[in-house]
C-alpha atoms as a PDB file:
ATOM      1  CA  MET A   1       0.083   0.224  -0.243  1.00  0.00           C
ATOM      2  CA  ALA A   2       2.733   2.418   1.015  1.00  0.00           C
ATOM      3  CA  ASN A   3       4.175   2.018  -2.087  1.00  0.00           C
ATOM      4  CA  THR A   4       1.436   3.896  -3.888  1.00  0.00           C
ATOM      5  CA  PHE A   5       2.062   7.139  -1.937  1.00  0.00           C
ATOM      6  CA  LEU A   6       5.194   8.622  -3.232  1.00  0.00           C
ATOM      7  CA  GLY A   7       6.976   6.513  -5.715  1.00  0.00           C
ATOM      8  CA  ALA A   8      10.434   4.907  -5.829  1.00  0.00           C
ATOM      9  CA  GLU A   9      12.651   7.586  -5.839  1.00  0.00           C
ATOM     10  CA  GLN A  10      12.213   7.923  -1.791  1.00  0.00           C
ATOM     11  CA  PRO A  11      14.064   6.207   1.037  1.00  0.00           C
ATOM     12  CA  MET A  12      12.732   3.198   1.511  1.00  0.00           C
ATOM     13  CA  GLU A  13      11.630   3.466   5.355  1.00  0.00           C
ATOM     14  CA  GLU A  14       9.909   6.336   4.105  1.00  0.00           C
ATOM     15  CA  LYS A  15       7.871   3.954   1.530  1.00  0.00           C
ATOM     16  CA  THR A  16       5.797   2.420   4.877  1.00  0.00           C
ATOM     17  CA  GLU A  17       2.915   3.897   6.310  1.00  0.00           C
ATOM     18  CA  GLU A  18       4.807   4.564   9.177  1.00  0.00           C
ATOM     19  CA  GLY A  19       7.977   5.727   7.340  1.00  0.00           C
ATOM     20  CA  LEU A  20       5.095   8.483   5.975  1.00  0.00           C
ATOM     21  CA  TRP A  21       3.099   9.630   8.872  1.00  0.00           C
ATOM     22  CA  ILE A  22       6.467   9.987  10.412  1.00  0.00           C
ATOM     23  CA  LYS A  23       7.794  12.619   8.083  1.00  0.00           C
ATOM     24  CA  TYR A  24       4.485  13.846   7.940  1.00  0.00           C
ATOM     25  CA  ARG A  25       4.574  14.809  11.637  1.00  0.00           C
ATOM     26  CA  LYS A  26       7.710  16.361  10.969  1.00  0.00           C
ATOM     27  CA  ASN A  27       7.592  18.165   7.773  1.00  0.00           C
ATOM     28  CA  ARG A  28       3.526  18.233   7.203  1.00  0.00           C
ATOM     29  CA  ASP A  29       3.811  17.870   3.418  1.00  0.00           C
ATOM     30  CA  PRO A  30       0.957  18.590   1.845  1.00  0.00           C
ATOM     31  CA  GLN A  31       1.445  15.705  -0.526  1.00  0.00           C
ATOM     32  CA  ILE A  32       1.588  13.098   1.965  1.00  0.00           C
ATOM     33  CA  ARG A  33      -1.597  14.408   3.507  1.00  0.00           C
ATOM     34  CA  GLU A  34      -3.293  14.496  -0.066  1.00  0.00           C
ATOM     35  CA  MET A  35      -2.231  10.281  -0.157  1.00  0.00           C
ATOM     36  CA  PHE A  36      -3.529   9.576   3.580  1.00  0.00           C
ATOM     37  CA  ILE A  37      -6.859  11.686   2.405  1.00  0.00           C
ATOM     38  CA  LYS A  38      -7.190   9.455  -0.260  1.00  0.00           C
ATOM     39  CA  GLN A  39      -6.250   6.118   1.265  1.00  0.00           C
ATOM     40  CA  TYR A  40      -9.083   6.445   4.718  1.00  0.00           C
ATOM     41  CA  ALA A  41     -11.530   8.185   2.232  1.00  0.00           C
ATOM     42  CA  PRO A  42     -13.434   4.708   2.439  1.00  0.00           C
ATOM     43  CA  LEU A  43     -13.275   5.055   6.217  1.00  0.00           C
ATOM     44  CA  VAL A  44     -15.283   7.667   6.283  1.00  0.00           C
ATOM     45  CA  LYS A  45     -18.378   6.600   4.176  1.00  0.00           C
ATOM     46  CA  TYR A  46     -18.009   3.057   6.791  1.00  0.00           C
ATOM     47  CA  VAL A  47     -18.217   5.615  10.112  1.00  0.00           C
ATOM     48  CA  ALA A  48     -21.271   7.349   8.362  1.00  0.00           C
ATOM     49  CA  GLY A  49     -22.743   3.623   7.615  1.00  0.00           C
ATOM     50  CA  LYS A  50     -22.623   2.995  11.063  1.00  0.00           C
ATOM     51  CA  VAL A  51     -23.842   6.500  12.341  1.00  0.00           C
ATOM     52  CA  ALA A  52     -26.821   6.257   9.689  1.00  0.00           C
ATOM     53  CA  VAL A  53     -28.176   3.476  11.133  1.00  0.00           C
ATOM     54  CA  GLY A  54     -31.139   4.213  13.572  1.00  0.00           C
ATOM     55  CA  MET A  55     -30.920   7.970  12.496  1.00  0.00           C
ATOM     56  CA  PRO A  56     -34.265   9.682  11.625  1.00  0.00           C
ATOM     57  CA  HIS A  57     -34.686   9.753   8.146  1.00  0.00           C
ATOM     58  CA  ASN A  58     -34.193  13.498   7.010  1.00  0.00           C
ATOM     59  CA  VAL A  59     -30.649  13.181   8.296  1.00  0.00           C
ATOM     60  CA  GLU A  60     -29.187  11.985   5.130  1.00  0.00           C
ATOM     61  CA  PHE A  61     -26.227   9.361   4.526  1.00  0.00           C
ATOM     62  CA  ASP A  62     -24.134  11.967   2.364  1.00  0.00           C
ATOM     63  CA  ASP A  63     -24.566  14.708   4.828  1.00  0.00           C
ATOM     64  CA  LEU A  64     -22.828  11.870   7.538  1.00  0.00           C
ATOM     65  CA  VAL A  65     -20.078  11.617   5.235  1.00  0.00           C
ATOM     66  CA  GLY A  66     -19.412  15.167   4.761  1.00  0.00           C
ATOM     67  CA  PHE A  67     -19.501  15.949   8.542  1.00  0.00           C
ATOM     68  CA  GLY A  68     -16.290  12.879   9.079  1.00  0.00           C
ATOM     69  CA  VAL A  69     -14.508  14.043   6.251  1.00  0.00           C
ATOM     70  CA  PHE A  70     -13.619  16.783   8.790  1.00  0.00           C
ATOM     71  CA  GLY A  71     -12.827  13.606  11.658  1.00  0.00           C
ATOM     72  CA  LEU A  72     -10.715  12.498   9.037  1.00  0.00           C
ATOM     73  CA  LEU A  73      -8.813  15.449   8.364  1.00  0.00           C
ATOM     74  CA  ASP A  74      -8.682  16.369  11.964  1.00  0.00           C
ATOM     75  CA  ALA A  75      -7.871  13.010  12.720  1.00  0.00           C
ATOM     76  CA  ILE A  76      -4.561  13.208  10.266  1.00  0.00           C
ATOM     77  CA  ASP A  77      -3.386  16.086  11.631  1.00  0.00           C
ATOM     78  CA  LYS A  78      -3.237  14.790  15.057  1.00  0.00           C
ATOM     79  CA  PHE A  79      -2.266  11.496  14.520  1.00  0.00           C
ATOM     80  CA  ASP A  80       1.151  10.502  16.887  1.00  0.00           C
ATOM     81  CA  PRO A  81       2.479   6.958  15.022  1.00  0.00           C
ATOM     82  CA  GLU A  82       4.726   6.836  18.799  1.00  0.00           C
ATOM     83  CA  LYS A  83       1.774   6.168  20.533  1.00  0.00           C
ATOM     84  CA  ASN A  84       1.527   2.755  19.560  1.00  0.00           C
ATOM     85  CA  VAL A  85      -2.338   3.433  18.711  1.00  0.00           C
ATOM     86  CA  LYS A  86      -3.316   2.379  14.784  1.00  0.00           C
ATOM     87  CA  PHE A  87      -3.984   5.385  12.616  1.00  0.00           C
ATOM     88  CA  LYS A  88      -7.608   3.167  11.428  1.00  0.00           C
ATOM     89  CA  THR A  89      -8.363   2.858  15.295  1.00  0.00           C
ATOM     90  CA  TYR A  90      -7.471   6.407  16.276  1.00  0.00           C
ATOM     91  CA  ALA A  91      -9.081   8.009  13.050  1.00  0.00           C
ATOM     92  CA  VAL A  92     -12.762   5.865  13.390  1.00  0.00           C
ATOM     93  CA  THR A  93     -13.062   7.928  16.766  1.00  0.00           C
ATOM     94  CA  ARG A  94     -12.093  11.504  15.505  1.00  0.00           C
ATOM     95  CA  ILE A  95     -15.041  10.703  12.541  1.00  0.00           C
ATOM     96  CA  ARG A  96     -17.531   9.176  14.735  1.00  0.00           C
ATOM     97  CA  GLY A  97     -16.814  12.469  16.900  1.00  0.00           C
ATOM     98  CA  ALA A  98     -17.070  15.043  13.896  1.00  0.00           C
ATOM     99  CA  ILE A  99     -20.200  13.528  12.559  1.00  0.00           C
ATOM    100  CA  PHE A 100     -22.071  13.799  16.479  1.00  0.00           C
ATOM    101  CA  ASP A 101     -20.445  17.224  16.658  1.00  0.00           C
ATOM    102  CA  GLU A 102     -22.017  18.497  13.635  1.00  0.00           C
ATOM    103  CA  LEU A 103     -25.379  16.617  13.804  1.00  0.00           C
ATOM    104  CA  ARG A 104     -25.577  18.631  17.361  1.00  0.00           C
ATOM    105  CA  THR A 105     -25.432  21.908  15.454  1.00  0.00           C
ATOM    106  CA  ILE A 106     -28.363  20.858  13.496  1.00  0.00           C
ATOM    107  CA  ASP A 107     -30.203  20.343  16.953  1.00  0.00           C
ATOM    108  CA  TRP A 108     -33.379  18.234  15.763  1.00  0.00           C
ATOM    109  CA  VAL A 109     -33.570  16.799  19.028  1.00  0.00           C
ATOM    110  CA  PRO A 110     -37.201  18.279  20.816  1.00  0.00           C
ATOM    111  CA  ARG A 111     -36.842  20.288  23.214  1.00  0.00           C
ATOM    112  CA  SER A 112     -38.530  17.889  25.458  1.00  0.00           C
ATOM    113  CA  VAL A 113     -36.843  14.915  24.792  1.00  0.00           C
ATOM    114  CA  ARG A 114     -33.455  17.529  25.649  1.00  0.00           C
ATOM    115  CA  GLN A 115     -34.653  18.227  28.923  1.00  0.00           C
ATOM    116  CA  LYS A 116     -35.452  14.910  29.936  1.00  0.00           C
ATOM    117  CA  THR A 117     -32.388  13.778  29.235  1.00  0.00           C
ATOM    118  CA  ARG A 118     -30.589  16.483  31.704  1.00  0.00           C
ATOM    119  CA  GLU A 119     -33.106  15.122  34.375  1.00  0.00           C
ATOM    120  CA  VAL A 120     -32.106  11.560  34.074  1.00  0.00           C
ATOM    121  CA  GLU A 121     -28.680  12.400  34.022  1.00  0.00           C
ATOM    122  CA  ASP A 122     -28.935  15.140  37.139  1.00  0.00           C
ATOM    123  CA  ALA A 123     -31.158  11.936  38.660  1.00  0.00           C
ATOM    124  CA  ILE A 124     -28.386   9.273  37.974  1.00  0.00           C
ATOM    125  CA  GLY A 125     -25.460  12.097  39.714  1.00  0.00           C
ATOM    126  CA  SER A 126     -27.222  13.111  42.705  1.00  0.00           C
ATOM    127  CA  LEU A 127     -28.154   9.283  43.752  1.00  0.00           C
ATOM    128  CA  GLU A 128     -24.845   7.977  42.696  1.00  0.00           C
ATOM    129  CA  ALA A 129     -23.013  10.878  44.770  1.00  0.00           C
ATOM    130  CA  GLN A 130     -24.970   9.592  47.820  1.00  0.00           C
ATOM    131  CA  LEU A 131     -25.129   5.973  47.749  1.00  0.00           C
ATOM    132  CA  GLY A 132     -21.268   5.520  46.770  1.00  0.00           C
ATOM    133  CA  ARG A 133     -22.168   3.077  43.977  1.00  0.00           C
ATOM    134  CA  THR A 134     -24.019   2.029  40.832  1.00  0.00           C
ATOM    135  CA  ALA A 135     -28.567   2.956  41.186  1.00  0.00           C
ATOM    136  CA  THR A 136     -30.689   0.948  39.782  1.00  0.00           C
ATOM    137  CA  ASP A 137     -33.323   1.603  37.498  1.00  0.00           C
ATOM    138  CA  GLN A 138     -35.908   1.169  40.303  1.00  0.00           C
ATOM    139  CA  GLU A 139     -33.890   3.280  42.320  1.00  0.00           C
ATOM    140  CA  ILE A 140     -33.248   5.622  39.879  1.00  0.00           C
ATOM    141  CA  ALA A 141     -36.789   5.572  38.997  1.00  0.00           C
ATOM    142  CA  LYS A 142     -38.020   6.224  42.381  1.00  0.00           C
ATOM    143  CA  SER A 143     -35.877   9.352  42.729  1.00  0.00           C
ATOM    144  CA  MET A 144     -37.533  10.637  39.360  1.00  0.00           C
ATOM    145  CA  GLY A 145     -41.094   9.921  41.273  1.00  0.00           C
ATOM    146  CA  MET A 146     -42.050   7.512  38.472  1.00  0.00           C
ATOM    147  CA  ASP A 147     -42.051   3.488  38.343  1.00  0.00           C
ATOM    148  CA  GLU A 148     -39.399   1.366  37.089  1.00  0.00           C
ATOM    149  CA  SER A 149     -42.012   0.907  33.696  1.00  0.00           C
ATOM    150  CA  ASP A 150     -42.428   4.729  33.282  1.00  0.00           C
ATOM    151  CA  PHE A 151     -38.758   5.221  33.796  1.00  0.00           C
ATOM    152  CA  LEU A 152     -37.687   2.138  31.262  1.00  0.00           C
ATOM    153  CA  LYS A 153     -40.355   4.206  28.535  1.00  0.00           C
ATOM    154  CA  THR A 154     -38.255   7.482  29.281  1.00  0.00           C
ATOM    155  CA  MET A 155     -34.577   6.022  28.362  1.00  0.00           C
ATOM    156  CA  GLN A 156     -36.329   4.590  25.259  1.00  0.00           C
ATOM    157  CA  ARG A 157     -37.560   7.617  23.899  1.00  0.00           C
ATOM    158  CA  ILE A 158     -34.175   9.235  24.961  1.00  0.00           C
ATOM    159  CA  SER A 159     -32.436   6.585  23.327  1.00  0.00           C
ATOM    160  CA  SER A 160     -33.951   6.434  20.250  1.00  0.00           C
ATOM    161  CA  THR A 161     -33.768  10.449  19.615  1.00  0.00           C
ATOM    162  CA  SER A 162     -30.964  11.994  21.704  1.00  0.00           C
ATOM    163  CA  ILE A 163     -27.503  11.980  19.845  1.00  0.00           C
ATOM    164  CA  LEU A 164     -25.392  10.559  23.363  1.00  0.00           C
ATOM    165  CA  SER A 165     -21.526   9.388  22.726  1.00  0.00           C
ATOM    166  CA  LEU A 166     -18.552   9.072  24.118  1.00  0.00           C
ATOM    167  CA  ASN A 167     -17.186  12.402  21.863  1.00  0.00           C
ATOM    168  CA  ASP A 168     -18.262  14.135  24.413  1.00  0.00           C
ATOM    169  CA  VAL A 169     -15.011  16.813  25.239  1.00  0.00           C
ATOM    170  CA  TRP A 170     -13.538  16.038  29.045  1.00  0.00           C
ATOM    171  CA  PHE A 171     -11.612  19.613  29.106  1.00  0.00           C
ATOM    172  CA  SER A 172      -8.415  20.330  31.212  1.00  0.00           C
ATOM    173  CA  GLY A 173      -6.786  23.721  30.235  1.00  0.00           C
ATOM    174  CA  ASP A 174      -7.635  24.949  26.731  1.00  0.00           C
ATOM    175  CA  GLU A 175      -8.199  23.653  23.681  1.00  0.00           C
ATOM    176  CA  ASN A 176      -5.385  21.757  23.002  1.00  0.00           C
ATOM    177  CA  ASP A 177      -5.149  19.703  26.092  1.00  0.00           C
ATOM    178  CA  LYS A 178      -9.121  18.363  25.403  1.00  0.00           C
ATOM    179  CA  VAL A 179      -9.119  14.802  26.129  1.00  0.00           C
ATOM    180  CA  SER A 180     -12.862  12.677  25.072  1.00  0.00           C
ATOM    181  CA  ILE A 181     -14.281   9.746  26.750  1.00  0.00           C
ATOM    182  CA  GLY A 182     -14.455   7.686  24.012  1.00  0.00           C
ATOM    183  CA  ASP A 183     -10.240   8.257  23.170  1.00  0.00           C
ATOM    184  CA  SER A 184      -9.890   6.842  26.849  1.00  0.00           C
ATOM    185  CA  ILE A 185     -11.533   3.474  26.137  1.00  0.00           C
ATOM    186  CA  GLU A 186      -8.813   0.663  25.316  1.00  0.00           C
ATOM    187  CA  SER A 187      -9.631  -3.319  24.259  1.00  0.00           C
ATOM    188  CA  PRO A 188     -10.523  -5.114  27.466  1.00  0.00           C
ATOM    189  CA  SER A 189      -7.381  -6.647  27.889  1.00  0.00           C
ATOM    190  CA  SER A 190      -5.581  -2.967  28.218  1.00  0.00           C
ATOM    191  CA  LEU A 191      -8.093  -1.093  30.178  1.00  0.00           C
ATOM    192  CA  ASN A 192      -6.006   0.676  32.692  1.00  0.00           C
ATOM    193  CA  PRO A 193      -4.112   3.866  33.042  1.00  0.00           C
ATOM    194  CA  ASP A 194      -0.852   2.305  33.270  1.00  0.00           C
ATOM    195  CA  VAL A 195      -0.668   2.573  29.272  1.00  0.00           C
ATOM    196  CA  ILE A 196      -1.931   6.267  29.319  1.00  0.00           C
ATOM    197  CA  VAL A 197       1.043   8.560  29.257  1.00  0.00           C
ATOM    198  CA  GLU A 198      -0.406  12.125  28.132  1.00  0.00           C
ATOM    199  CA  LYS A 199      -2.984  13.951  30.038  1.00  0.00           C
ATOM    200  CA  GLU A 200      -2.802  10.766  32.619  1.00  0.00           C
ATOM    201  CA  GLU A 201      -4.829  12.016  35.664  1.00  0.00           C
ATOM    202  CA  ILE A 202      -8.037  13.064  33.270  1.00  0.00           C
ATOM    203  CA  ARG A 203      -7.690   9.587  31.373  1.00  0.00           C
ATOM    204  CA  ARG A 204      -7.528   7.973  34.862  1.00  0.00           C
ATOM    205  CA  VAL A 205     -10.332   9.380  35.799  1.00  0.00           C
ATOM    206  CA  ILE A 206     -12.356   8.517  33.230  1.00  0.00           C
ATOM    207  CA  ILE A 207     -10.926   4.907  32.893  1.00  0.00           C
ATOM    208  CA  GLU A 208     -12.053   4.395  36.397  1.00  0.00           C
ATOM    209  CA  ALA A 209     -15.612   5.474  35.664  1.00  0.00           C
ATOM    210  CA  ILE A 210     -16.021   3.576  32.965  1.00  0.00           C
ATOM    211  CA  ASN A 211     -15.029   0.569  35.322  1.00  0.00           C
ATOM    212  CA  ASP A 212     -17.273   1.167  37.859  1.00  0.00           C
ATOM    213  CA  LEU A 213     -20.101   0.951  35.544  1.00  0.00           C
ATOM    214  CA  PRO A 214     -22.246  -2.049  35.172  1.00  0.00           C
ATOM    215  CA  GLU A 215     -20.812  -5.266  33.408  1.00  0.00           C
ATOM    216  CA  LYS A 216     -22.917  -5.121  30.806  1.00  0.00           C
ATOM    217  CA  GLU A 217     -23.121  -0.983  30.549  1.00  0.00           C
ATOM    218  CA  LYS A 218     -18.975  -1.605  30.462  1.00  0.00           C
ATOM    219  CA  LYS A 219     -19.304  -4.320  27.552  1.00  0.00           C
ATOM    220  CA  ILE A 220     -21.663  -2.031  25.266  1.00  0.00           C
ATOM    221  CA  LEU A 221     -19.242   0.855  25.087  1.00  0.00           C
ATOM    222  CA  VAL A 222     -16.068  -1.653  24.135  1.00  0.00           C
ATOM    223  CA  LEU A 223     -17.710  -3.250  21.366  1.00  0.00           C
ATOM    224  CA  TYR A 224     -19.266  -0.541  20.317  1.00  0.00           C
ATOM    225  CA  TYR A 225     -16.686   2.123  20.214  1.00  0.00           C
ATOM    226  CA  TYR A 226     -13.546  -0.312  20.345  1.00  0.00           C
ATOM    227  CA  GLU A 227     -14.206  -3.645  18.554  1.00  0.00           C
ATOM    228  CA  ASP A 228     -17.266  -1.038  16.574  1.00  0.00           C
ATOM    229  CA  LEU A 229     -19.982  -3.279  16.348  1.00  0.00           C
ATOM    230  CA  THR A 230     -23.435  -1.905  15.693  1.00  0.00           C
ATOM    231  CA  LEU A 231     -26.231  -1.578  18.272  1.00  0.00           C
ATOM    232  CA  LYS A 232     -27.667  -5.096  16.352  1.00  0.00           C
ATOM    233  CA  GLU A 233     -24.490  -6.664  16.696  1.00  0.00           C
ATOM    234  CA  ILE A 234     -23.936  -6.393  20.047  1.00  0.00           C
ATOM    235  CA  GLY A 235     -27.484  -7.313  20.759  1.00  0.00           C
ATOM    236  CA  LYS A 236     -27.198 -10.740  19.477  1.00  0.00           C
ATOM    237  CA  VAL A 237     -23.722 -10.963  21.184  1.00  0.00           C
ATOM    238  CA  LEU A 238     -25.315 -10.323  24.429  1.00  0.00           C
ATOM    239  CA  GLU A 239     -28.821 -11.844  23.001  1.00  0.00           C
ATOM    240  CA  VAL A 240     -30.981  -8.662  23.917  1.00  0.00           C
ATOM    241  CA  THR A 241     -32.795  -6.611  21.687  1.00  0.00           C
ATOM    242  CA  GLU A 242     -31.306  -3.780  19.879  1.00  0.00           C
ATOM    243  CA  SER A 243     -33.453  -1.262  21.832  1.00  0.00           C
ATOM    244  CA  ARG A 244     -32.326  -2.691  24.876  1.00  0.00           C
ATOM    245  CA  VAL A 245     -28.885  -2.217  24.067  1.00  0.00           C
ATOM    246  CA  SER A 246     -29.460   1.201  23.005  1.00  0.00           C
ATOM    247  CA  GLN A 247     -31.625   2.215  26.178  1.00  0.00           C
ATOM    248  CA  LEU A 248     -28.404   0.568  27.854  1.00  0.00           C
ATOM    249  CA  HIS A 249     -25.613   3.046  25.925  1.00  0.00           C
ATOM    250  CA  THR A 250     -27.619   5.585  26.803  1.00  0.00           C
ATOM    251  CA  LYS A 251     -27.835   5.159  30.018  1.00  0.00           C
ATOM    252  CA  ALA A 252     -23.966   4.218  30.731  1.00  0.00           C
ATOM    253  CA  ILE A 253     -23.443   7.468  28.519  1.00  0.00           C
ATOM    254  CA  LEU A 254     -25.524   9.108  30.916  1.00  0.00           C
ATOM    255  CA  ARG A 255     -24.057   8.015  34.481  1.00  0.00           C
ATOM    256  CA  LEU A 256     -20.609   8.684  32.730  1.00  0.00           C
ATOM    257  CA  ARG A 257     -21.318  11.957  31.590  1.00  0.00           C
ATOM    258  CA  SER A 258     -23.425  12.583  35.330  1.00  0.00           C
ATOM    259  CA  LYS A 259     -19.847  10.866  37.461  1.00  0.00           C
ATOM    260  CA  LEU A 260     -17.180  12.797  35.368  1.00  0.00           C
ATOM    261  CA  THR A 261     -19.269  16.029  36.240  1.00  0.00           C
ATOM    262  CA  ASN A 262     -20.095  15.591  39.854  1.00  0.00           C
ATOM    263  CA  ILE A 263     -15.722  14.740  40.153  1.00  0.00           C
ATOM    264  CA  ARG A 264     -14.953  18.197  38.138  1.00  0.00           C
ATOM    265  CA  LYS A 265     -17.466  19.771  40.852  1.00  0.00           C
ATOM    266  CA  GLY A 266     -15.422  18.166  43.774  1.00  0.00           C
ATOM    267  CA  ILE A 267     -18.712  16.336  44.796  1.00  0.00           C
ATOM    268  CA  VAL A 268     -17.333  12.991  44.536  1.00  0.00           C
END
């Protein structure tokens, strides 16, 4: 693959993709950048296709692809080959994040759903800070003054219309120091803070929050964001319905956001 990039006149070590990344990191050669864009353009359509599943009909696939291109460009410009992470893995997170960011600016989610999402997140945050552990559906429902059945219906409505993802940003300092929750997910075998060098403390907090999730919710996050399975595929793995996976995914995100917000405020 790498030999198609710049031709035979380049030194052998620069013909490998790793060599090209190292060279691009040093001199920002526009020719190398263009080659990477062409090489990984199909990845944008792949990620857009994954995101498109479950989206309303008014969200066009071509729009998702267009949004994702910005993520690919961002990934190419910020990728560090010395961090022992495959570019494809890194780029998928950036592409998906760019798509979600643009969808949020469209703001097609009904105000009532956004309000209910905030209410559930606040309830989870307050309750789990008080309990010092993960709250059950029944406990969350009770704290919101509803029965468990109504709570599950609320979660279904939120999960089917809200855009909630691990690409939410956890800031430290300025724009150059931002870390997304999704950036901190590793494979199950390496989900620990010791593998993280840059912004270690923030990532440690994020990873601890992920590890504190109920096992099924944590597994869904790993399968969706690391293994890149669709919600339908995860449902088959866990032997539950796709809608149930969607609910659990949404609840996991709300737990993480509320917990991290509490930590940032010094509540827990």
